[in-house]
Each structure stands twice: as structure tokens, then as C-alpha cells.
Amino acid sequence: MTHYVWTIRARGRRDMLRVTTLAEMQGNLRILELPGLAPPHCAVGGIWSDDIPDHGHYTHNEGGKDEWSLTWTKVEG
């Protein structure tokens, strides 16, 4: 089972750093209800795809009041 180290940063919220599977990461994104996040069946910067790169960064609304970001790295194991 593949795991990822990931961090979500959102204005007005404490940074969230976790090590989980891709499905668990996606579940956390759904729970947080971040602004502008598309439903899971849509591809948002590759974060909803089962074939995401080993590492990456996605920023929503950079510089705007609803800015949030996700950074992830695949854990070898």
C-alpha cells in the first residue's frame, strides 16, 4: 500500500501534516470543505487522480483570500 507525506495549508487554519494513503488524503480534503475544491470525480491539479506524481504542489487561488495549498511526497516502502 502506497503512502504519502502531505501538508495542507489554509488561511485561518492550523497546518495539517499527515502520512496516509491517497484515499485518506482525499478524504481529509473532502472533510475540510476548502474553498473551490471540486468534487472527487473531477481532476483538480491531479490531486483526485489515482495516478498522481510521486510528489507535487497544488495552490488554489494563490494570493487570494481563499488561498490554500496541498504539498505531497510519496513515501518509499
PDB file of N, CA and C in Angstrom:
ATOM      1  N   MET A   1       0.843  -1.166   0.000  1.00  0.00           N
ATOM      2  CA  MET A   1       0.000   0.000   0.000  1.00  0.00           C
ATOM      3  C   MET A   1       0.899   1.243   0.000  1.00  0.00           C
ATOM      4  N   THR A   2       0.646   2.167  -0.911  1.00  0.00           N
ATOM      5  CA  THR A   2       1.445   3.380  -1.049  1.00  0.00           C
ATOM      6  C   THR A   2       0.971   4.456  -0.075  1.00  0.00           C
ATOM      7  N   HIS A   3       1.912   5.108   0.559  1.00  0.00           N
ATOM      8  CA  HIS A   3       1.605   6.197   1.484  1.00  0.00           C
ATOM      9  C   HIS A   3       2.250   7.491   1.002  1.00  0.00           C
ATOM     10  N   TYR A   4       1.670   8.593   1.438  1.00  0.00           N
ATOM     11  CA  TYR A   4       2.161   9.915   1.083  1.00  0.00           C
ATOM     12  C   TYR A   4       2.304  10.763   2.340  1.00  0.00           C
ATOM     13  N   VAL A   5       3.362  11.559   2.387  1.00  0.00           N
ATOM     14  CA  VAL A   5       3.502  12.610   3.388  1.00  0.00           C
ATOM     15  C   VAL A   5       2.885  13.834   2.733  1.00  0.00           C
ATOM     16  N   TRP A   6       1.940  14.461   3.412  1.00  0.00           N
ATOM     17  CA  TRP A   6       1.284  15.621   2.800  1.00  0.00           C
ATOM     18  C   TRP A   6       0.985  16.696   3.821  1.00  0.00           C
ATOM     19  N   THR A   7       0.902  17.918   3.321  1.00  0.00           N
ATOM     20  CA  THR A   7       0.610  19.079   4.151  1.00  0.00           C
ATOM     21  C   THR A   7      -0.441  19.931   3.464  1.00  0.00           C
ATOM     22  N   ILE A   8      -1.451  20.317   4.218  1.00  0.00           N
ATOM     23  CA  ILE A   8      -2.452  21.267   3.744  1.00  0.00           C
ATOM     24  C   ILE A   8      -2.270  22.542   4.551  1.00  0.00           C
ATOM     25  N   ARG A   9      -2.146  23.645   3.833  1.00  0.00           N
ATOM     26  CA  ARG A   9      -2.057  24.957   4.477  1.00  0.00           C
ATOM     27  C   ARG A   9      -3.220  25.796   3.981  1.00  0.00           C
ATOM     28  N   ALA A  10      -3.971  26.371   4.904  1.00  0.00           N
ATOM     29  CA  ALA A  10      -5.114  27.211   4.548  1.00  0.00           C
ATOM     30  C   ALA A  10      -5.169  28.401   5.493  1.00  0.00           C
ATOM     31  N   ARG A  11      -5.469  29.533   4.922  1.00  0.00           N
ATOM     32  CA  ARG A  11      -5.571  30.769   5.706  1.00  0.00           C
ATOM     33  C   ARG A  11      -6.581  30.589   6.839  1.00  0.00           C
ATOM     34  N   GLY A  12      -6.171  30.979   8.041  1.00  0.00           N
ATOM     35  CA  GLY A  12      -7.063  30.897   9.194  1.00  0.00           C
ATOM     36  C   GLY A  12      -7.179  29.514   9.814  1.00  0.00           C
ATOM     37  N   ARG A  13      -6.369  28.563   9.325  1.00  0.00           N
ATOM     38  CA  ARG A  13      -6.400  27.204   9.878  1.00  0.00           C
ATOM     39  C   ARG A  13      -4.986  26.771  10.226  1.00  0.00           C
ATOM     40  N   ARG A  14      -4.893  25.874  11.166  1.00  0.00           N
ATOM     41  CA  ARG A  14      -3.601  25.289  11.523  1.00  0.00           C
ATOM     42  C   ARG A  14      -3.158  24.350  10.395  1.00  0.00           C
ATOM     43  N   ASP A  15      -1.858  24.369  10.051  1.00  0.00           N
ATOM     44  CA  ASP A  15      -1.345  23.462   9.022  1.00  0.00           C
ATOM     45  C   ASP A  15      -1.648  22.024   9.414  1.00  0.00           C
ATOM     46  N   MET A  16      -1.997  21.219   8.430  1.00  0.00           N
ATOM     47  CA  MET A  16      -2.300  19.814   8.661  1.00  0.00           C
ATOM     48  C   MET A  16      -1.225  18.981   7.962  1.00  0.00           C
ATOM     49  N   LEU A  17      -0.431  18.246   8.733  1.00  0.00           N
ATOM     50  CA  LEU A  17       0.628  17.392   8.212  1.00  0.00           C
ATOM     51  C   LEU A  17       0.302  15.953   8.573  1.00  0.00           C
ATOM     52  N   ARG A  18       0.275  15.077   7.581  1.00  0.00           N
ATOM     53  CA  ARG A  18      -0.092  13.673   7.813  1.00  0.00           C
ATOM     54  C   ARG A  18       0.743  12.746   6.923  1.00  0.00           C
ATOM     55  N   VAL A  19       0.729  11.469   7.269  1.00  0.00           N
ATOM     56  CA  VAL A  19       1.258  10.391   6.437  1.00  0.00           C
ATOM     57  C   VAL A  19       0.120   9.391   6.307  1.00  0.00           C
ATOM     58  N   THR A  20      -0.448   9.282   5.104  1.00  0.00           N
ATOM     59  CA  THR A  20      -1.596   8.404   4.875  1.00  0.00           C
ATOM     60  C   THR A  20      -1.568   7.866   3.450  1.00  0.00           C
ATOM     61  N   THR A  21      -2.557   7.066   3.138  1.00  0.00           N
ATOM     62  CA  THR A  21      -2.756   6.622   1.761  1.00  0.00           C
ATOM     63  C   THR A  21      -3.380   7.766   0.957  1.00  0.00           C
ATOM     64  N   LEU A  22      -3.402   7.616  -0.350  1.00  0.00           N
ATOM     65  CA  LEU A  22      -4.027   8.615  -1.222  1.00  0.00           C
ATOM     66  C   LEU A  22      -5.508   8.769  -0.885  1.00  0.00           C
ATOM     67  N   ALA A  23      -6.195   7.661  -0.656  1.00  0.00           N
ATOM     68  CA  ALA A  23      -7.625   7.715  -0.337  1.00  0.00           C
ATOM     69  C   ALA A  23      -7.874   8.488   0.956  1.00  0.00           C
ATOM     70  N   GLU A  24      -7.012   8.294   1.946  1.00  0.00           N
ATOM     71  CA  GLU A  24      -7.172   9.022   3.210  1.00  0.00           C
ATOM     72  C   GLU A  24      -6.884  10.510   3.027  1.00  0.00           C
ATOM     73  N   MET A  25      -5.912  10.838   2.191  1.00  0.00           N
ATOM     74  CA  MET A  25      -5.624  12.231   1.893  1.00  0.00           C
ATOM     75  C   MET A  25      -6.842  12.884   1.232  1.00  0.00           C
ATOM     76  N   GLN A  26      -7.423  12.206   0.260  1.00  0.00           N
ATOM     77  CA  GLN A  26      -8.607  12.719  -0.424  1.00  0.00           C
ATOM     78  C   GLN A  26      -9.777  12.876   0.544  1.00  0.00           C
ATOM     79  N   GLY A  27      -9.932  11.938   1.456  1.00  0.00           N
ATOM     80  CA  GLY A  27     -10.998  12.012   2.451  1.00  0.00           C
ATOM     81  C   GLY A  27     -10.846  13.235   3.348  1.00  0.00           C
ATOM     82  N   ASN A  28      -9.613  13.535   3.744  1.00  0.00           N
ATOM     83  CA  ASN A  28      -9.366  14.722   4.553  1.00  0.00           C
ATOM     84  C   ASN A  28      -9.705  15.990   3.783  1.00  0.00           C
ATOM     85  N   LEU A  29      -9.384  16.031   2.506  1.00  0.00           N
ATOM     86  CA  LEU A  29      -9.720  17.205   1.696  1.00  0.00           C
ATOM     87  C   LEU A  29     -11.233  17.405   1.628  1.00  0.00           C
ATOM     88  N   ARG A  30     -11.968  16.315   1.507  1.00  0.00           N
ATOM     89  CA  ARG A  30     -13.440  16.410   1.464  1.00  0.00           C
ATOM     90  C   ARG A  30     -13.989  16.953   2.786  1.00  0.00           C
ATOM     91  N   ILE A  31     -13.469  16.443   3.890  1.00  0.00           N
ATOM     92  CA  ILE A  31     -13.938  16.842   5.219  1.00  0.00           C
ATOM     93  C   ILE A  31     -13.676  18.325   5.472  1.00  0.00           C
ATOM     94  N   LEU A  32     -12.533  18.825   5.022  1.00  0.00           N
ATOM     95  CA  LEU A  32     -12.156  20.211   5.271  1.00  0.00           C
ATOM     96  C   LEU A  32     -13.019  21.218   4.504  1.00  0.00           C
ATOM     97  N   GLU A  33     -13.648  20.775   3.432  1.00  0.00           N
ATOM     98  CA  GLU A  33     -14.501  21.647   2.610  1.00  0.00           C
ATOM     99  C   GLU A  33     -13.791  22.961   2.285  1.00  0.00           C
ATOM    100  N   LEU A  34     -12.602  22.851   1.714  1.00  0.00           N
ATOM    101  CA  LEU A  34     -11.834  24.029   1.340  1.00  0.00           C
ATOM    102  C   LEU A  34     -12.485  24.749   0.163  1.00  0.00           C
ATOM    103  N   PRO A  35     -12.366  26.068   0.100  1.00  0.00           N
ATOM    104  CA  PRO A  35     -12.990  26.825  -0.984  1.00  0.00           C
ATOM    105  C   PRO A  35     -12.483  26.390  -2.355  1.00  0.00           C
ATOM    106  N   GLY A  36     -13.393  26.265  -3.304  1.00  0.00           N
ATOM    107  CA  GLY A  36     -13.022  25.965  -4.679  1.00  0.00           C
ATOM    108  C   GLY A  36     -12.644  24.530  -4.955  1.00  0.00           C
ATOM    109  N   LEU A  37     -12.787  23.648  -3.983  1.00  0.00           N
ATOM    110  CA  LEU A  37     -12.406  22.254  -4.191  1.00  0.00           C
ATOM    111  C   LEU A  37     -13.498  21.534  -4.957  1.00  0.00           C
ATOM    112  N   ALA A  38     -13.132  20.982  -6.096  1.00  0.00           N
ATOM    113  CA  ALA A  38     -14.086  20.274  -6.937  1.00  0.00           C
ATOM    114  C   ALA A  38     -14.460  18.937  -6.316  1.00  0.00           C
ATOM    115  N   PRO A  39     -15.577  18.380  -6.715  1.00  0.00           N
ATOM    116  CA  PRO A  39     -15.959  17.051  -6.235  1.00  0.00           C
ATOM    117  C   PRO A  39     -14.903  16.008  -6.589  1.00  0.00           C
ATOM    118  N   PRO A  40     -14.859  14.909  -5.861  1.00  0.00           N
ATOM    119  CA  PRO A  40     -13.818  13.901  -6.062  1.00  0.00           C
ATOM    120  C   PRO A  40     -13.738  13.336  -7.474  1.00  0.00           C
ATOM    121  N   HIS A  41     -14.819  13.373  -8.232  1.00  0.00           N
ATOM    122  CA  HIS A  41     -14.771  12.791  -9.572  1.00  0.00           C
ATOM    123  C   HIS A  41     -14.107  13.727 -10.578  1.00  0.00           C
ATOM    124  N   CYS A  42     -13.750  14.940 -10.153  1.00  0.00           N
ATOM    125  CA  CYS A  42     -13.077  15.897 -11.035  1.00  0.00           C
ATOM    126  C   CYS A  42     -11.582  15.890 -10.747  1.00  0.00           C
ATOM    127  N   ALA A  43     -10.809  16.210 -11.734  1.00  0.00           N
ATOM    128  CA  ALA A  43      -9.354  16.304 -11.539  1.00  0.00           C
ATOM    129  C   ALA A  43      -9.003  17.740 -11.192  1.00  0.00           C
ATOM    130  N   VAL A  44      -8.455  17.950 -10.014  1.00  0.00           N
ATOM    131  CA  VAL A  44      -8.027  19.274  -9.575  1.00  0.00           C
ATOM    132  C   VAL A  44      -6.527  19.215  -9.391  1.00  0.00           C
ATOM    133  N   GLY A  45      -5.801  19.731 -10.359  1.00  0.00           N
ATOM    134  CA  GLY A  45      -4.345  19.724 -10.244  1.00  0.00           C
ATOM    135  C   GLY A  45      -3.788  18.330 -10.042  1.00  0.00           C
ATOM    136  N   GLY A  46      -4.520  17.310 -10.466  1.00  0.00           N
ATOM    137  CA  GLY A  46      -4.054  15.932 -10.335  1.00  0.00           C
ATOM    138  C   GLY A  46      -4.300  15.307  -8.981  1.00  0.00           C
ATOM    139  N   ILE A  47      -4.853  16.060  -8.011  1.00  0.00           N
ATOM    140  CA  ILE A  47      -4.955  15.511  -6.658  1.00  0.00           C
ATOM    141  C   ILE A  47      -6.062  14.485  -6.498  1.00  0.00           C
ATOM    142  N   TRP A  48      -7.002  14.410  -7.421  1.00  0.00           N
ATOM    143  CA  TRP A  48      -8.062  13.401  -7.322  1.00  0.00           C
ATOM    144  C   TRP A  48      -7.760  12.183  -8.186  1.00  0.00           C
ATOM    145  N   SER A  49      -6.698  12.219  -8.946  1.00  0.00           N
ATOM    146  CA  SER A  49      -6.338  11.110  -9.819  1.00  0.00           C
ATOM    147  C   SER A  49      -5.656  10.011  -9.021  1.00  0.00           C
ATOM    148  N   ASP A  50      -5.906   8.761  -9.394  1.00  0.00           N
ATOM    149  CA  ASP A  50      -5.203   7.645  -8.755  1.00  0.00           C
ATOM    150  C   ASP A  50      -3.770   7.517  -9.262  1.00  0.00           C
ATOM    151  N   ASP A  51      -3.442   8.288 -10.287  1.00  0.00           N
ATOM    152  CA  ASP A  51      -2.121   8.223 -10.896  1.00  0.00           C
ATOM    153  C   ASP A  51      -1.400   9.562 -10.711  1.00  0.00           C
ATOM    154  N   ILE A  52      -1.319  10.039  -9.460  1.00  0.00           N
ATOM    155  CA  ILE A  52      -0.663  11.317  -9.212  1.00  0.00           C
ATOM    156  C   ILE A  52       0.848  11.138  -9.237  1.00  0.00           C
ATOM    157  N   PRO A  53       1.592  12.214  -9.500  1.00  0.00           N
ATOM    158  CA  PRO A  53       3.056  12.117  -9.465  1.00  0.00           C
ATOM    159  C   PRO A  53       3.543  11.757  -8.061  1.00  0.00           C
ATOM    160  N   ASP A  54       4.785  11.307  -7.968  1.00  0.00           N
ATOM    161  CA  ASP A  54       5.350  10.926  -6.669  1.00  0.00           C
ATOM    162  C   ASP A  54       5.415  12.094  -5.692  1.00  0.00           C
ATOM    163  N   HIS A  55       5.489  13.305  -6.205  1.00  0.00           N
ATOM    164  CA  HIS A  55       5.478  14.486  -5.355  1.00  0.00           C
ATOM    165  C   HIS A  55       4.922  15.664  -6.153  1.00  0.00           C
ATOM    166  N   GLY A  56       4.413  16.637  -5.435  1.00  0.00           N
ATOM    167  CA  GLY A  56       3.868  17.790  -6.127  1.00  0.00           C
ATOM    168  C   GLY A  56       3.326  18.832  -5.178  1.00  0.00           C
ATOM    169  N   HIS A  57       2.797  19.881  -5.786  1.00  0.00           N
ATOM    170  CA  HIS A  57       2.249  21.001  -5.027  1.00  0.00           C
ATOM    171  C   HIS A  57       1.079  21.573  -5.820  1.00  0.00           C
ATOM    172  N   TYR A  58      -0.009  21.858  -5.122  1.00  0.00           N
ATOM    173  CA  TYR A  58      -1.181  22.485  -5.728  1.00  0.00           C
ATOM    174  C   TYR A  58      -1.559  23.681  -4.864  1.00  0.00           C
ATOM    175  N   THR A  59      -1.782  24.833  -5.487  1.00  0.00           N
ATOM    176  CA  THR A  59      -2.244  26.013  -4.761  1.00  0.00           C
ATOM    177  C   THR A  59      -3.529  26.494  -5.400  1.00  0.00           C
ATOM    178  N   HIS A  60      -4.543  26.675  -4.575  1.00  0.00           N
ATOM    179  CA  HIS A  60      -5.824  27.215  -5.035  1.00  0.00           C
ATOM    180  C   HIS A  60      -5.854  28.712  -4.729  1.00  0.00           C
ATOM    181  N   ASN A  61      -6.241  29.516  -5.718  1.00  0.00           N
ATOM    182  CA  ASN A  61      -6.473  30.954  -5.539  1.00  0.00           C
ATOM    183  C   ASN A  61      -5.257  31.656  -4.934  1.00  0.00           C
ATOM    184  N   GLU A  62      -4.079  31.412  -5.518  1.00  0.00           N
ATOM    185  CA  GLU A  62      -2.838  31.966  -4.981  1.00  0.00           C
ATOM    186  C   GLU A  62      -2.930  33.482  -4.819  1.00  0.00           C
ATOM    187  N   GLY A  63      -2.644  33.959  -3.623  1.00  0.00           N
ATOM    188  CA  GLY A  63      -2.681  35.376  -3.322  1.00  0.00           C
ATOM    189  C   GLY A  63      -4.065  35.902  -2.971  1.00  0.00           C
ATOM    190  N   GLY A  64      -5.087  35.076  -3.139  1.00  0.00           N
ATOM    191  CA  GLY A  64      -6.456  35.490  -2.850  1.00  0.00           C
ATOM    192  C   GLY A  64      -6.861  35.193  -1.419  1.00  0.00           C
ATOM    193  N   LYS A  65      -8.023  35.676  -1.045  1.00  0.00           N
ATOM    194  CA  LYS A  65      -8.492  35.473   0.329  1.00  0.00           C
ATOM    195  C   LYS A  65      -8.827  34.016   0.631  1.00  0.00           C
ATOM    196  N   ASP A  66      -9.107  33.218  -0.396  1.00  0.00           N
ATOM    197  CA  ASP A  66      -9.446  31.807  -0.200  1.00  0.00           C
ATOM    198  C   ASP A  66      -8.274  30.871  -0.502  1.00  0.00           C
ATOM    199  N   GLU A  67      -7.048  31.409  -0.461  1.00  0.00           N
ATOM    200  CA  GLU A  67      -5.888  30.589  -0.811  1.00  0.00           C
ATOM    201  C   GLU A  67      -5.705  29.419   0.151  1.00  0.00           C
ATOM    202  N   TRP A  68      -5.402  28.257  -0.420  1.00  0.00           N
ATOM    203  CA  TRP A  68      -4.973  27.092   0.353  1.00  0.00           C
ATOM    204  C   TRP A  68      -4.056  26.273  -0.545  1.00  0.00           C
ATOM    205  N   SER A  69      -3.237  25.418   0.068  1.00  0.00           N
ATOM    206  CA  SER A  69      -2.303  24.632  -0.737  1.00  0.00           C
ATOM    207  C   SER A  69      -2.170  23.216  -0.181  1.00  0.00           C
ATOM    208  N   LEU A  70      -1.767  22.344  -1.079  1.00  0.00           N
ATOM    209  CA  LEU A  70      -1.506  20.942  -0.751  1.00  0.00           C
ATOM    210  C   LEU A  70      -0.160  20.578  -1.338  1.00  0.00           C
ATOM    211  N   THR A  71       0.716  20.024  -0.510  1.00  0.00           N
ATOM    212  CA  THR A  71       2.013  19.527  -0.942  1.00  0.00           C
ATOM    213  C   THR A  71       2.091  18.069  -0.542  1.00  0.00           C
ATOM    214  N   TRP A  72       2.574  17.206  -1.445  1.00  0.00           N
ATOM    215  CA  TRP A  72       2.646  15.777  -1.133  1.00  0.00           C
ATOM    216  C   TRP A  72       3.916  15.163  -1.674  1.00  0.00           C
ATOM    217  N   THR A  73       4.357  14.093  -1.006  1.00  0.00           N
ATOM    218  CA  THR A  73       5.520  13.308  -1.428  1.00  0.00           C
ATOM    219  C   THR A  73       5.246  11.848  -1.128  1.00  0.00           C
ATOM    220  N   LYS A  74       5.469  11.011  -2.104  1.00  0.00           N
ATOM    221  CA  LYS A  74       5.287   9.564  -1.940  1.00  0.00           C
ATOM    222  C   LYS A  74       6.371   9.028  -1.004  1.00  0.00           C
ATOM    223  N   VAL A  75       5.972   8.142  -0.105  1.00  0.00           N
ATOM    224  CA  VAL A  75       6.897   7.511   0.835  1.00  0.00           C
ATOM    225  C   VAL A  75       7.272   6.149   0.271  1.00  0.00           C
ATOM    226  N   GLU A  76       8.549   5.944   0.077  1.00  0.00           N
ATOM    227  CA  GLU A  76       9.022   4.651  -0.426  1.00  0.00           C
ATOM    228  C   GLU A  76       8.886   3.620   0.690  1.00  0.00           C
ATOM    229  N   GLY A  77       8.441   2.447   0.342  1.00  0.00           N
ATOM    230  CA  GLY A  77       8.310   1.449   1.392  1.00  0.00           C
ATOM    231  C   GLY A  77       7.916   0.215   0.871  1.00  0.00           C
TER     232      GLY A  77
END
